[in-house]
Amino acid sequence: MRHIFFFISFLFGIPALAQQNQEFRDTKTYFDSQEELIKKEFENQYSQLTNDLDRAMMKTEFLEFYQKFLDARNNAYVNALVAVKNREDLSRIIPVKDSAKIENNRLKSSIPISRDAEYPDGIDVFRKFLVDNVNFSADTTQPIKATVTFIVETNGEISNAKAKSDYPELNKKIEIALYLLPKKFNPATIENRFVRTKFRMPLSLKD
């Protein structure tokens, strides 16, 4: 008995990309909705089967199909990351008017920052989101460590996300997770004016 899942539009119908960070929001929303449809259809078909062999075959087919879905979603995120980084590289070649110079979490300014950039739910929630959304394993018993840096813009969005570790694939996954943050940062301020700042944080994926 052969079971076919018809929710394959995700391979062809990825929505058009918009402004920075919106690429990731659009992609996530689209694939989350497709994932929900796929799982509901599987549960519906699975519940109608009474034969154990048919159920086992259907479960195997579903797992194979679902892995293809996950691969497609990951590829979409990688494409979004490339698009964002290309635009950020271009912005460095063609500087934004009145853009601030940044160094070591501080603007190059004689005026001290009044308030540092902060994640609304706190640094622990921010760090947990990254760890929970990075699926990575390595053949080591030691903690997998990385250093994360990015710029918090005056509107609270992040840009120029970079992760540095011993694993290039891990770096890419952390950078994708950064752009998938569900909330914006509270930007830093100088004299009640929002300013761009650089954020740096160590990250450990295995205790």
N, C-alpha and C. Protein backbone atom coordinates (compact mmCIF):
# COMPACT_ATOMS: atom_id res chain seq x y z
N MET A 1 0.85 -1.20 0.00
CA MET A 1 0.00 0.00 0.00
C MET A 1 0.88 1.24 0.00
N ARG A 2 0.58 2.16 -0.89
CA ARG A 2 1.43 3.33 -1.05
C ARG A 2 0.66 4.58 -0.67
N HIS A 3 1.24 5.41 0.16
CA HIS A 3 0.59 6.64 0.59
C HIS A 3 1.39 7.82 0.05
N ILE A 4 0.69 8.76 -0.52
CA ILE A 4 1.36 9.91 -1.14
C ILE A 4 0.91 11.18 -0.44
N PHE A 5 1.86 12.01 -0.08
CA PHE A 5 1.55 13.30 0.53
C PHE A 5 1.59 14.37 -0.54
N PHE A 6 0.56 15.19 -0.56
CA PHE A 6 0.42 16.16 -1.64
C PHE A 6 0.91 17.55 -1.28
N PHE A 7 1.40 17.74 -0.07
CA PHE A 7 1.85 19.07 0.33
C PHE A 7 3.29 19.28 -0.11
N ILE A 8 3.48 19.49 -1.41
CA ILE A 8 4.83 19.66 -1.94
C ILE A 8 5.02 21.05 -2.53
N SER A 9 4.03 21.92 -2.34
CA SER A 9 4.15 23.26 -2.92
C SER A 9 5.30 24.04 -2.32
N PHE A 10 5.75 23.65 -1.12
CA PHE A 10 6.85 24.38 -0.48
C PHE A 10 8.12 24.31 -1.31
N LEU A 11 8.24 23.31 -2.17
CA LEU A 11 9.43 23.19 -3.01
C LEU A 11 9.44 24.22 -4.13
N PHE A 12 8.28 24.78 -4.43
CA PHE A 12 8.19 25.66 -5.59
C PHE A 12 7.62 27.03 -5.27
N GLY A 13 6.91 27.16 -4.16
CA GLY A 13 6.16 28.38 -3.92
C GLY A 13 6.67 29.23 -2.80
N ILE A 14 7.97 29.29 -2.57
CA ILE A 14 8.51 30.12 -1.50
C ILE A 14 8.21 31.58 -1.80
N PRO A 15 7.65 32.32 -0.84
CA PRO A 15 7.22 33.69 -1.11
C PRO A 15 8.38 34.62 -1.44
N ALA A 16 8.06 35.71 -2.12
CA ALA A 16 9.06 36.70 -2.49
C ALA A 16 9.66 37.32 -1.23
N LEU A 17 10.93 37.68 -1.31
CA LEU A 17 11.62 38.22 -0.16
C LEU A 17 11.47 39.73 -0.10
N ALA A 18 11.44 40.26 1.11
CA ALA A 18 11.25 41.70 1.29
C ALA A 18 12.48 42.30 1.91
N GLN A 19 12.29 43.23 2.85
CA GLN A 19 13.41 43.95 3.43
C GLN A 19 14.21 43.07 4.39
N GLN A 20 15.36 43.57 4.83
CA GLN A 20 16.25 42.81 5.69
C GLN A 20 15.53 42.28 6.91
N ASN A 21 15.84 41.03 7.28
CA ASN A 21 15.20 40.29 8.36
C ASN A 21 13.80 39.83 7.98
N GLN A 22 13.14 40.55 7.11
CA GLN A 22 11.83 40.12 6.64
C GLN A 22 11.97 38.83 5.83
N GLU A 23 13.13 38.64 5.19
CA GLU A 23 13.37 37.39 4.47
C GLU A 23 13.13 36.19 5.37
N PHE A 24 13.69 36.28 6.56
CA PHE A 24 13.59 35.15 7.49
C PHE A 24 12.20 35.02 8.07
N ARG A 25 11.56 36.13 8.36
CA ARG A 25 10.20 36.06 8.90
C ARG A 25 9.24 35.45 7.88
N ASP A 26 9.37 35.88 6.62
CA ASP A 26 8.49 35.34 5.58
C ASP A 26 8.74 33.85 5.37
N THR A 27 10.01 33.47 5.33
CA THR A 27 10.35 32.07 5.11
C THR A 27 9.86 31.20 6.26
N LYS A 28 10.07 31.67 7.49
CA LYS A 28 9.63 30.91 8.66
C LYS A 28 8.12 30.75 8.69
N THR A 29 7.40 31.84 8.44
CA THR A 29 5.94 31.78 8.44
C THR A 29 5.43 30.79 7.41
N TYR A 30 6.03 30.83 6.24
CA TYR A 30 5.60 29.95 5.16
C TYR A 30 5.84 28.48 5.50
N PHE A 31 7.04 28.16 5.95
CA PHE A 31 7.37 26.77 6.23
C PHE A 31 6.67 26.26 7.48
N ASP A 32 6.43 27.13 8.45
CA ASP A 32 5.67 26.70 9.64
C ASP A 32 4.26 26.29 9.25
N SER A 33 3.64 27.06 8.35
CA SER A 33 2.28 26.73 7.92
C SER A 33 2.27 25.43 7.12
N GLN A 34 3.28 25.23 6.27
CA GLN A 34 3.36 23.99 5.50
C GLN A 34 3.59 22.79 6.41
N GLU A 35 4.41 22.98 7.43
CA GLU A 35 4.68 21.88 8.37
C GLU A 35 3.41 21.47 9.10
N GLU A 36 2.63 22.44 9.49
CA GLU A 36 1.37 22.13 10.18
C GLU A 36 0.43 21.35 9.28
N LEU A 37 0.34 21.76 8.01
CA LEU A 37 -0.52 21.05 7.07
C LEU A 37 -0.05 19.62 6.84
N ILE A 38 1.24 19.45 6.69
CA ILE A 38 1.80 18.12 6.45
C ILE A 38 1.50 17.19 7.62
N LYS A 39 1.72 17.67 8.84
CA LYS A 39 1.49 16.83 10.01
C LYS A 39 0.02 16.49 10.19
N LYS A 40 -0.85 17.46 9.92
CA LYS A 40 -2.28 17.19 10.04
C LYS A 40 -2.74 16.16 9.03
N GLU A 41 -2.21 16.25 7.81
CA GLU A 41 -2.59 15.29 6.78
C GLU A 41 -2.09 13.89 7.13
N PHE A 42 -0.89 13.82 7.67
CA PHE A 42 -0.36 12.51 8.09
C PHE A 42 -1.23 11.91 9.19
N GLU A 43 -1.55 12.72 10.19
CA GLU A 43 -2.37 12.22 11.30
C GLU A 43 -3.74 11.77 10.81
N ASN A 44 -4.30 12.50 9.85
CA ASN A 44 -5.60 12.15 9.31
C ASN A 44 -5.56 10.80 8.58
N GLN A 45 -4.55 10.64 7.71
CA GLN A 45 -4.44 9.39 6.96
C GLN A 45 -4.05 8.22 7.88
N TYR A 46 -3.17 8.49 8.81
CA TYR A 46 -2.69 7.44 9.71
C TYR A 46 -3.83 6.90 10.58
N SER A 47 -4.70 7.80 11.03
CA SER A 47 -5.80 7.39 11.91
C SER A 47 -6.82 6.51 11.20
N GLN A 48 -6.84 6.56 9.87
CA GLN A 48 -7.80 5.77 9.11
C GLN A 48 -7.31 4.35 8.82
N LEU A 49 -6.04 4.10 9.10
CA LEU A 49 -5.48 2.78 8.85
C LEU A 49 -5.68 1.87 10.07
N THR A 50 -5.96 0.61 9.80
CA THR A 50 -6.15 -0.36 10.88
C THR A 50 -5.10 -1.47 10.85
N ASN A 51 -4.45 -1.61 9.71
CA ASN A 51 -3.45 -2.66 9.55
C ASN A 51 -2.09 -2.16 10.03
N ASP A 52 -1.44 -2.93 10.90
CA ASP A 52 -0.16 -2.52 11.46
C ASP A 52 0.91 -2.36 10.38
N LEU A 53 0.89 -3.22 9.38
CA LEU A 53 1.88 -3.13 8.31
C LEU A 53 1.70 -1.85 7.51
N ASP A 54 0.44 -1.52 7.20
CA ASP A 54 0.16 -0.29 6.47
C ASP A 54 0.60 0.93 7.28
N ARG A 55 0.36 0.89 8.57
CA ARG A 55 0.76 2.00 9.43
C ARG A 55 2.28 2.16 9.45
N ALA A 56 2.98 1.04 9.53
CA ALA A 56 4.44 1.08 9.56
C ALA A 56 4.99 1.64 8.25
N MET A 57 4.40 1.21 7.12
CA MET A 57 4.84 1.70 5.82
C MET A 57 4.58 3.20 5.67
N MET A 58 3.41 3.62 6.14
CA MET A 58 3.07 5.03 6.03
C MET A 58 3.99 5.89 6.89
N LYS A 59 4.31 5.40 8.07
CA LYS A 59 5.20 6.16 8.96
C LYS A 59 6.59 6.30 8.33
N THR A 60 7.07 5.23 7.70
CA THR A 60 8.38 5.29 7.05
C THR A 60 8.37 6.30 5.91
N GLU A 61 7.31 6.27 5.09
CA GLU A 61 7.20 7.20 3.98
C GLU A 61 7.10 8.64 4.47
N PHE A 62 6.36 8.83 5.56
CA PHE A 62 6.23 10.18 6.11
C PHE A 62 7.57 10.72 6.58
N LEU A 63 8.34 9.89 7.28
CA LEU A 63 9.64 10.34 7.79
C LEU A 63 10.58 10.70 6.65
N GLU A 64 10.53 9.94 5.56
CA GLU A 64 11.36 10.26 4.40
C GLU A 64 10.93 11.59 3.78
N PHE A 65 9.62 11.75 3.66
CA PHE A 65 9.09 12.99 3.09
C PHE A 65 9.40 14.19 3.98
N TYR A 66 9.26 13.98 5.29
CA TYR A 66 9.49 15.08 6.24
C TYR A 66 10.94 15.52 6.23
N GLN A 67 11.87 14.59 6.04
CA GLN A 67 13.28 14.95 5.97
C GLN A 67 13.54 15.82 4.75
N LYS A 68 12.88 15.52 3.63
CA LYS A 68 13.01 16.36 2.44
C LYS A 68 12.47 17.76 2.71
N PHE A 69 11.38 17.81 3.46
CA PHE A 69 10.81 19.11 3.84
C PHE A 69 11.81 19.91 4.68
N LEU A 70 12.43 19.26 5.66
CA LEU A 70 13.40 19.95 6.51
C LEU A 70 14.60 20.43 5.70
N ASP A 71 15.04 19.63 4.74
CA ASP A 71 16.16 20.03 3.88
C ASP A 71 15.78 21.25 3.05
N ALA A 72 14.54 21.26 2.54
CA ALA A 72 14.09 22.40 1.74
C ALA A 72 14.02 23.66 2.59
N ARG A 73 13.54 23.52 3.82
CA ARG A 73 13.47 24.69 4.71
C ARG A 73 14.86 25.21 5.04
N ASN A 74 15.79 24.32 5.31
CA ASN A 74 17.15 24.74 5.60
C ASN A 74 17.77 25.46 4.41
N ASN A 75 17.53 24.95 3.20
CA ASN A 75 18.05 25.60 2.00
C ASN A 75 17.46 26.99 1.82
N ALA A 76 16.18 27.13 2.16
CA ALA A 76 15.54 28.44 2.05
C ALA A 76 16.15 29.43 3.03
N TYR A 77 16.46 28.97 4.24
CA TYR A 77 17.10 29.84 5.23
C TYR A 77 18.51 30.23 4.78
N VAL A 78 19.23 29.29 4.20
CA VAL A 78 20.58 29.60 3.71
C VAL A 78 20.50 30.64 2.60
N ASN A 79 19.53 30.50 1.70
CA ASN A 79 19.36 31.48 0.62
C ASN A 79 19.03 32.86 1.19
N ALA A 80 18.19 32.88 2.22
CA ALA A 80 17.85 34.16 2.85
C ALA A 80 19.08 34.78 3.50
N LEU A 81 19.91 33.95 4.13
CA LEU A 81 21.13 34.45 4.76
C LEU A 81 22.08 35.05 3.73
N VAL A 82 22.22 34.38 2.60
CA VAL A 82 23.08 34.89 1.53
C VAL A 82 22.56 36.23 1.02
N ALA A 83 21.24 36.34 0.85
CA ALA A 83 20.65 37.59 0.36
C ALA A 83 20.90 38.73 1.33
N VAL A 84 20.72 38.47 2.62
CA VAL A 84 20.92 39.50 3.63
C VAL A 84 22.39 39.93 3.68
N LYS A 85 23.29 38.97 3.67
CA LYS A 85 24.71 39.31 3.76
C LYS A 85 25.19 40.05 2.51
N ASN A 86 24.66 39.69 1.35
CA ASN A 86 25.02 40.43 0.13
C ASN A 86 24.59 41.89 0.24
N ARG A 87 23.40 42.12 0.78
CA ARG A 87 22.92 43.48 0.92
C ARG A 87 23.74 44.25 1.95
N GLU A 88 24.12 43.56 3.03
CA GLU A 88 24.93 44.22 4.05
C GLU A 88 26.32 44.56 3.51
N ASP A 89 26.88 43.66 2.70
CA ASP A 89 28.18 43.95 2.08
C ASP A 89 28.08 45.15 1.16
N LEU A 90 26.98 45.22 0.42
CA LEU A 90 26.78 46.35 -0.48
C LEU A 90 26.65 47.65 0.29
N SER A 91 26.00 47.61 1.45
CA SER A 91 25.82 48.82 2.24
C SER A 91 27.16 49.33 2.79
N ARG A 92 28.12 48.41 2.95
CA ARG A 92 29.44 48.86 3.41
C ARG A 92 30.23 49.49 2.27
N ILE A 93 29.96 49.04 1.05
CA ILE A 93 30.61 49.64 -0.11
C ILE A 93 30.01 51.00 -0.41
N ILE A 94 28.68 51.08 -0.26
CA ILE A 94 27.97 52.34 -0.46
C ILE A 94 27.41 52.75 0.90
N PRO A 95 28.16 53.51 1.71
CA PRO A 95 27.76 53.81 3.09
C PRO A 95 26.41 54.50 3.17
N VAL A 96 25.66 54.13 4.21
CA VAL A 96 24.39 54.80 4.49
C VAL A 96 24.68 56.19 5.04
N LYS A 97 23.93 57.17 4.62
CA LYS A 97 24.14 58.54 5.07
C LYS A 97 24.04 58.62 6.59
N ASP A 98 25.01 59.32 7.19
CA ASP A 98 25.03 59.54 8.64
C ASP A 98 25.16 58.25 9.44
N SER A 99 25.68 57.19 8.82
CA SER A 99 25.83 55.94 9.57
C SER A 99 26.90 56.12 10.64
N ALA A 100 26.71 55.44 11.76
CA ALA A 100 27.62 55.60 12.89
C ALA A 100 28.79 54.64 12.78
N LYS A 101 29.94 55.04 13.26
CA LYS A 101 31.09 54.16 13.34
C LYS A 101 31.00 53.39 14.66
N ILE A 102 31.32 52.11 14.60
CA ILE A 102 31.09 51.24 15.74
C ILE A 102 32.37 50.53 16.14
N GLU A 103 32.60 50.40 17.42
CA GLU A 103 33.78 49.70 17.89
C GLU A 103 33.56 49.18 19.31
N ASN A 104 33.71 47.86 19.48
CA ASN A 104 33.65 47.24 20.81
C ASN A 104 32.43 47.63 21.63
N ASN A 105 31.26 47.42 21.06
CA ASN A 105 29.98 47.69 21.73
C ASN A 105 29.74 49.17 22.01
N ARG A 106 30.54 50.03 21.48
CA ARG A 106 30.37 51.47 21.74
C ARG A 106 30.55 52.25 20.44
N LEU A 107 29.80 53.30 20.30
CA LEU A 107 30.02 54.21 19.19
C LEU A 107 31.33 54.95 19.43
N LYS A 108 32.01 55.31 18.35
CA LYS A 108 33.19 56.15 18.50
C LYS A 108 32.73 57.56 18.80
N SER A 109 32.52 57.81 20.06
CA SER A 109 31.98 59.10 20.48
C SER A 109 32.51 59.43 21.86
N SER A 110 32.68 60.72 22.11
CA SER A 110 33.12 61.15 23.43
C SER A 110 31.97 61.15 24.42
N ILE A 111 30.75 60.99 23.91
CA ILE A 111 29.57 60.98 24.77
C ILE A 111 29.26 59.53 25.16
N PRO A 112 29.20 59.21 26.44
CA PRO A 112 28.94 57.83 26.86
C PRO A 112 27.52 57.39 26.53
N ILE A 113 27.37 56.09 26.31
CA ILE A 113 26.05 55.54 26.04
C ILE A 113 25.21 55.58 27.32
N SER A 114 23.99 56.07 27.19
CA SER A 114 23.11 56.17 28.35
C SER A 114 22.52 54.82 28.72
N ARG A 115 22.18 54.02 27.70
CA ARG A 115 21.61 52.70 27.94
C ARG A 115 22.07 51.75 26.85
N ASP A 116 22.59 50.60 27.26
CA ASP A 116 23.05 49.60 26.29
C ASP A 116 21.85 48.93 25.61
N ALA A 117 22.12 48.36 24.45
CA ALA A 117 21.09 47.58 23.76
C ALA A 117 20.74 46.35 24.60
N GLU A 118 19.45 46.02 24.66
CA GLU A 118 19.00 44.90 25.48
C GLU A 118 17.94 44.11 24.73
N TYR A 119 17.96 42.78 24.94
CA TYR A 119 16.88 41.96 24.42
C TYR A 119 15.71 42.05 25.39
N PRO A 120 14.47 42.25 24.90
CA PRO A 120 13.33 42.51 25.78
C PRO A 120 13.14 41.50 26.91
N ASP A 121 13.35 40.21 26.62
CA ASP A 121 13.13 39.18 27.64
C ASP A 121 14.38 38.83 28.42
N GLY A 122 15.47 39.54 28.17
CA GLY A 122 16.69 39.29 28.91
C GLY A 122 17.69 38.44 28.14
N ILE A 123 18.94 38.53 28.56
CA ILE A 123 20.03 37.86 27.86
C ILE A 123 19.91 36.34 27.95
N ASP A 124 19.38 35.82 29.05
CA ASP A 124 19.26 34.36 29.19
C ASP A 124 18.25 33.79 28.20
N VAL A 125 17.14 34.49 28.00
CA VAL A 125 16.13 34.05 27.03
C VAL A 125 16.70 34.14 25.62
N PHE A 126 17.44 35.20 25.36
CA PHE A 126 18.10 35.37 24.06
C PHE A 126 19.06 34.23 23.78
N ARG A 127 19.90 33.91 24.75
CA ARG A 127 20.88 32.83 24.57
C ARG A 127 20.17 31.49 24.41
N LYS A 128 19.11 31.24 25.19
CA LYS A 128 18.37 29.98 25.09
C LYS A 128 17.72 29.82 23.72
N PHE A 129 17.22 30.92 23.16
CA PHE A 129 16.61 30.85 21.83
C PHE A 129 17.64 30.38 20.81
N LEU A 130 18.84 30.92 20.88
CA LEU A 130 19.88 30.52 19.93
C LEU A 130 20.22 29.04 20.09
N VAL A 131 20.43 28.61 21.32
CA VAL A 131 20.78 27.21 21.57
C VAL A 131 19.67 26.27 21.10
N ASP A 132 18.42 26.63 21.40
CA ASP A 132 17.29 25.77 21.04
C ASP A 132 17.06 25.70 19.53
N ASN A 133 17.50 26.72 18.81
CA ASN A 133 17.22 26.79 17.37
C ASN A 133 18.43 26.48 16.51
N VAL A 134 19.48 25.96 17.13
CA VAL A 134 20.66 25.53 16.37
C VAL A 134 20.81 24.03 16.54
N ASN A 135 20.51 23.30 15.48
CA ASN A 135 20.62 21.84 15.51
C ASN A 135 21.99 21.45 14.97
N PHE A 136 22.90 21.15 15.89
CA PHE A 136 24.27 20.86 15.47
C PHE A 136 24.90 19.89 16.46
N SER A 137 25.67 18.96 15.93
CA SER A 137 26.40 18.03 16.78
C SER A 137 27.80 17.83 16.20
N ALA A 138 28.73 17.52 17.07
CA ALA A 138 30.11 17.29 16.65
C ALA A 138 30.69 16.14 17.46
N ASP A 139 31.67 15.49 16.89
CA ASP A 139 32.30 14.34 17.54
C ASP A 139 33.30 14.83 18.58
N THR A 140 32.76 15.31 19.68
CA THR A 140 33.61 15.81 20.76
C THR A 140 32.85 15.74 22.07
N THR A 141 33.58 15.54 23.14
CA THR A 141 32.97 15.55 24.48
C THR A 141 33.11 16.92 25.13
N GLN A 142 33.81 17.82 24.46
CA GLN A 142 34.02 19.15 24.99
C GLN A 142 32.86 20.08 24.60
N PRO A 143 32.64 21.13 25.38
CA PRO A 143 31.61 22.10 25.01
C PRO A 143 31.88 22.70 23.63
N ILE A 144 30.84 22.86 22.85
CA ILE A 144 30.96 23.49 21.54
C ILE A 144 30.74 24.98 21.75
N LYS A 145 31.77 25.76 21.52
CA LYS A 145 31.70 27.18 21.83
C LYS A 145 31.78 28.04 20.57
N ALA A 146 31.15 29.18 20.65
CA ALA A 146 31.17 30.13 19.55
C ALA A 146 31.11 31.54 20.12
N THR A 147 31.51 32.49 19.31
CA THR A 147 31.38 33.90 19.67
C THR A 147 30.44 34.55 18.66
N VAL A 148 29.45 35.25 19.17
CA VAL A 148 28.43 35.86 18.33
C VAL A 148 28.58 37.38 18.37
N THR A 149 28.58 38.00 17.21
CA THR A 149 28.61 39.46 17.13
C THR A 149 27.57 39.93 16.12
N PHE A 150 27.00 41.08 16.37
CA PHE A 150 26.06 41.69 15.43
C PHE A 150 25.84 43.14 15.82
N ILE A 151 25.22 43.88 14.95
CA ILE A 151 24.91 45.28 15.20
C ILE A 151 23.43 45.40 15.52
N VAL A 152 23.11 46.12 16.57
CA VAL A 152 21.72 46.45 16.88
C VAL A 152 21.44 47.82 16.27
N GLU A 153 20.54 47.84 15.30
CA GLU A 153 20.21 49.08 14.61
C GLU A 153 19.33 49.97 15.49
N THR A 154 19.11 51.19 15.05
CA THR A 154 18.32 52.13 15.84
C THR A 154 16.85 51.72 15.93
N ASN A 155 16.39 50.85 15.03
CA ASN A 155 15.01 50.37 15.11
C ASN A 155 14.90 49.05 15.86
N GLY A 156 16.03 48.57 16.42
CA GLY A 156 16.01 47.35 17.21
C GLY A 156 16.30 46.08 16.44
N GLU A 157 16.33 46.16 15.10
CA GLU A 157 16.66 44.99 14.31
C GLU A 157 18.17 44.77 14.33
N ILE A 158 18.58 43.54 14.00
CA ILE A 158 20.00 43.26 13.99
C ILE A 158 20.50 43.19 12.55
N SER A 159 21.78 43.46 12.39
CA SER A 159 22.42 43.36 11.08
C SER A 159 23.84 42.87 11.28
N ASN A 160 24.47 42.49 10.18
CA ASN A 160 25.87 42.05 10.21
C ASN A 160 26.11 40.96 11.26
N ALA A 161 25.19 40.01 11.32
CA ALA A 161 25.33 38.91 12.27
C ALA A 161 26.50 38.01 11.87
N LYS A 162 27.35 37.71 12.83
CA LYS A 162 28.50 36.85 12.56
C LYS A 162 28.69 35.90 13.74
N ALA A 163 28.99 34.66 13.43
CA ALA A 163 29.32 33.67 14.45
C ALA A 163 30.70 33.10 14.13
N LYS A 164 31.50 32.92 15.15
CA LYS A 164 32.85 32.40 14.96
C LYS A 164 33.05 31.20 15.87
N SER A 165 33.36 30.07 15.24
CA SER A 165 33.64 28.84 15.99
C SER A 165 34.59 27.99 15.15
N ASP A 166 34.83 26.78 15.61
CA ASP A 166 35.69 25.85 14.85
C ASP A 166 34.92 25.12 13.76
N TYR A 167 33.62 25.42 13.64
CA TYR A 167 32.77 24.67 12.71
C TYR A 167 32.03 25.64 11.77
N PRO A 168 32.43 25.71 10.51
CA PRO A 168 31.77 26.62 9.56
C PRO A 168 30.26 26.40 9.45
N GLU A 169 29.83 25.13 9.48
CA GLU A 169 28.39 24.85 9.37
C GLU A 169 27.65 25.39 10.59
N LEU A 170 28.26 25.29 11.75
CA LEU A 170 27.66 25.83 12.97
C LEU A 170 27.54 27.35 12.87
N ASN A 171 28.57 28.00 12.36
CA ASN A 171 28.52 29.46 12.21
C ASN A 171 27.31 29.88 11.40
N LYS A 172 27.08 29.18 10.30
CA LYS A 172 25.95 29.51 9.42
C LYS A 172 24.62 29.33 10.15
N LYS A 173 24.49 28.25 10.92
CA LYS A 173 23.24 27.98 11.62
C LYS A 173 22.98 29.00 12.72
N ILE A 174 24.02 29.42 13.41
CA ILE A 174 23.85 30.44 14.44
C ILE A 174 23.42 31.76 13.82
N GLU A 175 24.03 32.12 12.70
CA GLU A 175 23.67 33.38 12.03
C GLU A 175 22.22 33.35 11.57
N ILE A 176 21.77 32.21 11.07
CA ILE A 176 20.36 32.09 10.67
C ILE A 176 19.46 32.26 11.88
N ALA A 177 19.82 31.62 13.00
CA ALA A 177 19.01 31.74 14.22
C ALA A 177 18.93 33.19 14.70
N LEU A 178 20.02 33.93 14.55
CA LEU A 178 20.03 35.33 14.97
C LEU A 178 18.99 36.14 14.18
N TYR A 179 18.91 35.88 12.89
CA TYR A 179 17.95 36.61 12.06
C TYR A 179 16.51 36.12 12.26
N LEU A 180 16.36 35.00 12.96
CA LEU A 180 15.02 34.47 13.24
C LEU A 180 14.51 34.87 14.62
N LEU A 181 15.24 35.71 15.32
CA LEU A 181 14.78 36.15 16.65
C LEU A 181 13.34 36.66 16.57
N PRO A 182 12.48 36.22 17.49
CA PRO A 182 11.07 36.62 17.43
C PRO A 182 10.81 38.07 17.84
N LYS A 183 11.76 38.68 18.54
CA LYS A 183 11.56 40.05 19.00
C LYS A 183 12.77 40.91 18.65
N LYS A 184 12.52 42.20 18.50
CA LYS A 184 13.60 43.15 18.27
C LYS A 184 14.27 43.51 19.59
N PHE A 185 15.49 43.99 19.50
CA PHE A 185 16.19 44.51 20.67
C PHE A 185 15.64 45.89 21.03
N ASN A 186 15.84 46.26 22.27
CA ASN A 186 15.68 47.66 22.66
C ASN A 186 17.01 48.32 22.35
N PRO A 187 17.04 49.25 21.40
CA PRO A 187 18.33 49.82 20.98
C PRO A 187 18.99 50.65 22.08
N ALA A 188 20.30 50.82 21.94
CA ALA A 188 21.04 51.66 22.88
C ALA A 188 20.66 53.12 22.66
N THR A 189 20.90 53.92 23.68
CA THR A 189 20.59 55.35 23.57
C THR A 189 21.76 56.20 24.05
N ILE A 190 21.88 57.36 23.46
CA ILE A 190 22.78 58.41 23.92
C ILE A 190 21.95 59.68 24.01
N GLU A 191 21.84 60.20 25.22
CA GLU A 191 21.06 61.42 25.45
C GLU A 191 19.66 61.30 24.84
N ASN A 192 18.99 60.18 25.15
CA ASN A 192 17.61 59.92 24.70
C ASN A 192 17.48 59.77 23.19
N ARG A 193 18.59 59.49 22.52
CA ARG A 193 18.55 59.27 21.07
C ARG A 193 19.03 57.86 20.78
N PHE A 194 18.25 57.13 19.97
CA PHE A 194 18.64 55.76 19.61
C PHE A 194 19.90 55.78 18.76
N VAL A 195 20.82 54.86 19.07
CA VAL A 195 22.07 54.77 18.31
C VAL A 195 22.37 53.31 17.99
N ARG A 196 23.18 53.12 16.96
CA ARG A 196 23.61 51.78 16.56
C ARG A 196 24.77 51.35 17.45
N THR A 197 24.74 50.09 17.89
CA THR A 197 25.83 49.56 18.71
C THR A 197 26.17 48.14 18.28
N LYS A 198 27.37 47.74 18.63
CA LYS A 198 27.81 46.38 18.33
C LYS A 198 27.65 45.52 19.57
N PHE A 199 27.09 44.33 19.37
CA PHE A 199 26.81 43.41 20.47
C PHE A 199 27.70 42.19 20.30
N ARG A 200 28.30 41.75 21.39
CA ARG A 200 29.20 40.58 21.36
C ARG A 200 28.85 39.66 22.52
N MET A 201 28.78 38.35 22.24
CA MET A 201 28.37 37.42 23.28
C MET A 201 28.97 36.03 23.04
N PRO A 202 29.52 35.39 24.08
CA PRO A 202 29.96 34.00 23.94
C PRO A 202 28.76 33.07 24.00
N LEU A 203 28.87 31.93 23.34
CA LEU A 203 27.76 30.97 23.30
C LEU A 203 28.32 29.56 23.43
N SER A 204 27.69 28.76 24.28
CA SER A 204 28.08 27.37 24.47
C SER A 204 26.90 26.47 24.15
N LEU A 205 27.11 25.48 23.28
CA LEU A 205 26.03 24.61 22.84
C LEU A 205 26.03 23.26 23.53
N LYS A 206 27.05 22.96 24.30
CA LYS A 206 27.09 21.68 25.00
C LYS A 206 27.77 21.88 26.35
N ASP A 207 27.08 21.45 27.41
CA ASP A 207 27.64 21.60 28.76
C ASP A 207 28.43 20.36 29.16
